[in-house]
Amino acid sequence: MKQLFGILVMCAFSIAAFAQQNEDQNPANQKMLEKSRALNQLGDNEIRLNIPYAIAGIPEINYERYLADNMGLGIAGAYSFEKVENMRLRYQLMPYARLYFGEKKASGFFIEANMGLIGQKSREIYYDISGSIISDSLKKSINAGFGAAAGAKFLARNGFVGEVYLGMGRLFGNSITYAYPRLGICLGKRF
């Protein structure tokens, strides 16, 4: 009886092993495995352009390096080339860290923690009681702050990426504004 039970157990394990081997040799499964490997071998670097900021005259370029399949560190830089009198933002430098929750490498839903270094300017005009201008000056300030954002990254097989994100940060110190937006619709390439 023990020998018969042992033979049946060995047969069951053999059948399970062959079934697993045949499943891996299925052409549909092979194609999915190849696509997954190709996406994971695209590289650990990415560069992107924030389209709305570029349209507004403050092009923002993002660089990100992936430390793991679900984590990346990056930096975003923007500079205002336009000399519009009422535009407050002059430049921004924003290092950030992201945690990804997608199945592909560094894609899908993500959350971000960032630190902003933002240069601003504003025109200050002071009037006396009669309405005459007492002083007219341009105030410039550089402030730092912390913020958070959330978004989604979409990855194509050829390495092109698109992402959308939305967030906000708080500036500290003697700032012209006390908050900064973190928003974008970006297009870029992974390499």
Protein backbone atom coordinates (compact mmCIF):
# COMPACT_ATOMS: atom_id res chain seq x y z
CA MET A 1 0.00 0.00 0.00
CA LYS A 2 2.86 2.39 0.86
CA GLN A 3 4.56 1.61 -2.46
CA LEU A 4 1.37 2.32 -4.42
CA PHE A 5 0.90 5.64 -2.58
CA GLY A 6 4.56 6.58 -3.27
CA ILE A 7 4.18 5.77 -6.98
CA LEU A 8 0.99 7.88 -7.21
CA VAL A 9 2.71 10.86 -5.52
CA MET A 10 5.71 10.59 -7.89
CA CYS A 11 3.37 10.47 -10.91
CA ALA A 12 1.48 13.55 -9.67
CA PHE A 13 4.74 15.52 -9.26
CA SER A 14 5.95 14.43 -12.70
CA ILE A 15 2.70 15.50 -14.36
CA ALA A 16 2.82 18.87 -12.58
CA ALA A 17 6.44 19.42 -13.66
CA PHE A 18 5.70 18.61 -17.31
CA ALA A 19 2.59 20.80 -17.26
CA GLN A 20 4.65 23.74 -16.00
CA GLN A 21 7.29 23.16 -18.67
CA ASN A 22 4.68 23.04 -21.45
CA GLU A 23 3.03 26.25 -20.17
CA ASP A 24 6.36 28.13 -20.42
CA GLN A 25 6.82 26.88 -23.99
CA ASN A 26 3.46 28.30 -25.08
CA PRO A 27 4.15 30.89 -27.87
CA ALA A 28 1.78 33.48 -26.36
CA ASN A 29 3.55 33.24 -23.00
CA GLN A 30 6.96 33.46 -24.69
CA LYS A 31 5.95 36.70 -26.46
CA MET A 32 4.74 38.25 -23.21
CA LEU A 33 7.97 37.27 -21.46
CA GLU A 34 10.06 38.77 -24.28
CA LYS A 35 8.09 42.06 -24.17
CA SER A 36 8.49 42.24 -20.41
CA ARG A 37 12.25 41.64 -20.64
CA ALA A 38 12.58 44.24 -23.41
CA LEU A 39 10.74 46.87 -21.34
CA ASN A 40 12.94 46.17 -18.32
CA GLN A 41 16.12 46.48 -20.40
CA LEU A 42 15.39 49.97 -21.79
CA GLY A 43 17.76 51.65 -19.35
CA ASP A 44 17.86 53.42 -16.02
CA ASN A 45 17.84 57.05 -17.23
CA GLU A 46 15.03 59.22 -18.51
CA ILE A 47 14.74 62.79 -19.82
CA ARG A 48 11.40 64.59 -20.26
CA LEU A 49 9.97 67.97 -21.28
CA ASN A 50 7.00 69.48 -19.42
CA ILE A 51 4.71 70.63 -22.27
CA PRO A 52 2.43 73.14 -20.42
CA TYR A 53 5.43 74.93 -18.89
CA ALA A 54 7.11 75.13 -22.30
CA ILE A 55 3.95 76.66 -23.81
CA ALA A 56 3.85 79.21 -20.96
CA GLY A 57 7.43 80.30 -21.74
CA ILE A 58 9.07 78.54 -18.78
CA PRO A 59 10.46 75.32 -20.25
CA GLU A 60 10.99 72.64 -17.63
CA ILE A 61 13.32 69.71 -18.27
CA ASN A 62 13.27 66.63 -16.02
CA TYR A 63 16.01 64.04 -15.60
CA GLU A 64 15.36 60.87 -13.61
CA ARG A 65 17.59 57.94 -12.65
CA TYR A 66 16.08 54.66 -11.48
CA LEU A 67 17.61 53.08 -8.40
CA ALA A 68 15.27 50.08 -8.46
CA ASP A 69 12.30 48.83 -10.48
CA ASN A 70 9.92 50.85 -8.30
CA MET A 71 12.01 53.85 -7.19
CA GLY A 72 13.71 56.79 -8.87
CA LEU A 73 15.51 60.04 -8.05
CA GLY A 74 15.32 63.03 -10.33
CA ILE A 75 15.74 66.75 -10.80
CA ALA A 76 13.58 69.25 -12.66
CA GLY A 77 14.82 72.63 -13.81
CA ALA A 78 12.86 75.52 -15.32
CA TYR A 79 13.88 79.02 -16.39
CA SER A 80 11.74 81.93 -17.60
CA PHE A 81 13.16 83.28 -20.86
CA GLU A 82 10.25 85.71 -21.22
CA LYS A 83 10.63 89.21 -19.83
CA VAL A 84 6.98 89.67 -18.87
CA GLU A 85 6.57 92.33 -16.23
CA ASN A 86 3.96 90.56 -14.10
CA MET A 87 5.50 87.06 -14.29
CA ARG A 88 6.69 86.09 -10.82
CA LEU A 89 8.63 82.89 -11.47
CA ARG A 90 12.21 83.43 -12.67
CA TYR A 91 13.58 79.90 -12.23
CA GLN A 92 13.09 76.73 -10.26
CA LEU A 93 15.27 73.77 -9.38
CA MET A 94 13.42 70.82 -7.92
CA PRO A 95 15.02 67.53 -6.78
CA TYR A 96 12.50 64.75 -6.20
CA ALA A 97 12.11 61.10 -5.23
CA ARG A 98 9.40 58.85 -6.63
CA LEU A 99 7.89 55.52 -5.64
CA TYR A 100 6.15 53.59 -8.46
CA PHE A 101 3.34 51.07 -8.10
CA GLY A 102 3.07 49.73 -11.69
CA GLU A 103 3.96 46.27 -12.97
CA LYS A 104 6.50 47.54 -15.52
CA LYS A 105 9.80 49.02 -14.42
CA ALA A 106 9.28 52.58 -13.09
CA SER A 107 5.83 53.08 -14.59
CA GLY A 108 2.20 53.25 -13.58
CA PHE A 109 0.86 55.20 -10.60
CA PHE A 110 3.50 57.03 -8.53
CA ILE A 111 3.84 59.32 -5.54
CA GLU A 112 6.53 61.97 -5.29
CA ALA A 113 8.23 63.98 -2.56
CA ASN A 114 10.05 67.08 -3.77
CA MET A 115 12.06 70.04 -2.58
CA GLY A 116 11.78 73.32 -4.46
CA LEU A 117 14.40 76.03 -4.83
CA ILE A 118 12.49 78.85 -6.51
CA GLY A 119 13.61 82.31 -7.61
CA GLN A 120 10.83 84.90 -7.82
CA LYS A 121 10.45 88.58 -8.64
CA SER A 122 7.71 91.13 -8.08
CA ARG A 123 7.25 94.84 -8.54
CA GLU A 124 6.49 96.77 -5.35
CA ILE A 125 4.90 100.18 -5.73
CA TYR A 126 4.17 102.33 -2.68
CA TYR A 127 1.80 105.30 -2.81
CA ASP A 128 1.30 108.23 -0.45
CA ILE A 129 -2.08 109.53 0.69
CA SER A 130 -2.55 111.70 -2.38
CA GLY A 131 -1.93 108.75 -4.75
CA SER A 132 1.56 109.77 -5.84
CA ILE A 133 4.17 107.06 -6.17
CA ILE A 134 6.66 107.13 -3.31
CA SER A 135 8.80 104.21 -4.46
CA ASP A 136 8.80 101.72 -7.30
CA SER A 137 11.14 98.76 -6.87
CA LEU A 138 11.66 95.25 -8.16
CA LYS A 139 11.89 92.69 -5.35
CA LYS A 140 13.75 89.44 -6.02
CA SER A 141 13.74 86.49 -3.67
CA ILE A 142 15.05 82.92 -3.55
CA ASN A 143 13.16 80.49 -1.37
CA ALA A 144 13.13 76.79 -0.58
CA GLY A 145 10.21 74.56 0.21
CA PHE A 146 8.89 71.02 0.34
CA GLY A 147 6.00 69.44 -1.50
CA ALA A 148 4.33 66.28 -2.76
CA ALA A 149 2.69 65.11 -5.98
CA ALA A 150 0.98 62.08 -7.45
CA GLY A 151 0.64 60.97 -11.04
CA ALA A 152 0.94 58.24 -13.63
CA LYS A 153 3.67 57.30 -16.10
CA PHE A 154 3.00 55.49 -19.36
CA LEU A 155 5.82 53.57 -21.05
CA ALA A 156 5.91 52.52 -24.71
CA ARG A 157 7.91 49.53 -25.99
CA ASN A 158 10.37 51.76 -27.85
CA GLY A 159 11.31 53.71 -24.71
CA PHE A 160 9.13 56.79 -25.16
CA VAL A 161 7.30 57.89 -22.01
CA GLY A 162 4.39 60.12 -21.17
CA GLU A 163 3.37 61.20 -17.72
CA VAL A 164 0.87 63.39 -15.93
CA TYR A 165 1.17 64.58 -12.35
CA LEU A 166 -0.36 67.08 -9.96
CA GLY A 167 0.83 68.34 -6.60
CA MET A 168 1.73 71.33 -4.48
CA GLY A 169 4.50 72.54 -2.24
CA ARG A 170 4.99 75.07 0.55
CA LEU A 171 7.71 77.74 0.45
CA PHE A 172 9.41 78.91 3.64
CA GLY A 173 11.03 82.24 4.44
CA ASN A 174 10.23 85.73 3.18
CA SER A 175 8.58 84.62 -0.03
CA ILE A 176 6.42 86.54 -2.50
CA THR A 177 4.08 83.54 -2.66
CA TYR A 178 3.76 80.81 -0.07
CA ALA A 179 2.99 77.85 -2.33
CA TYR A 180 4.25 76.47 -5.61
CA PRO A 181 2.43 74.20 -8.05
CA ARG A 182 3.82 70.86 -9.16
CA LEU A 183 1.93 69.94 -12.30
CA GLY A 184 2.77 68.68 -15.72
CA ILE A 185 2.09 66.72 -18.83
CA CYS A 186 5.49 65.44 -19.91
CA LEU A 187 6.88 63.60 -22.90
CA GLY A 188 10.31 62.04 -22.99
CA LYS A 189 12.60 59.11 -23.66
CA ARG A 190 14.10 56.38 -21.50
CA PHE A 191 17.67 55.37 -22.28
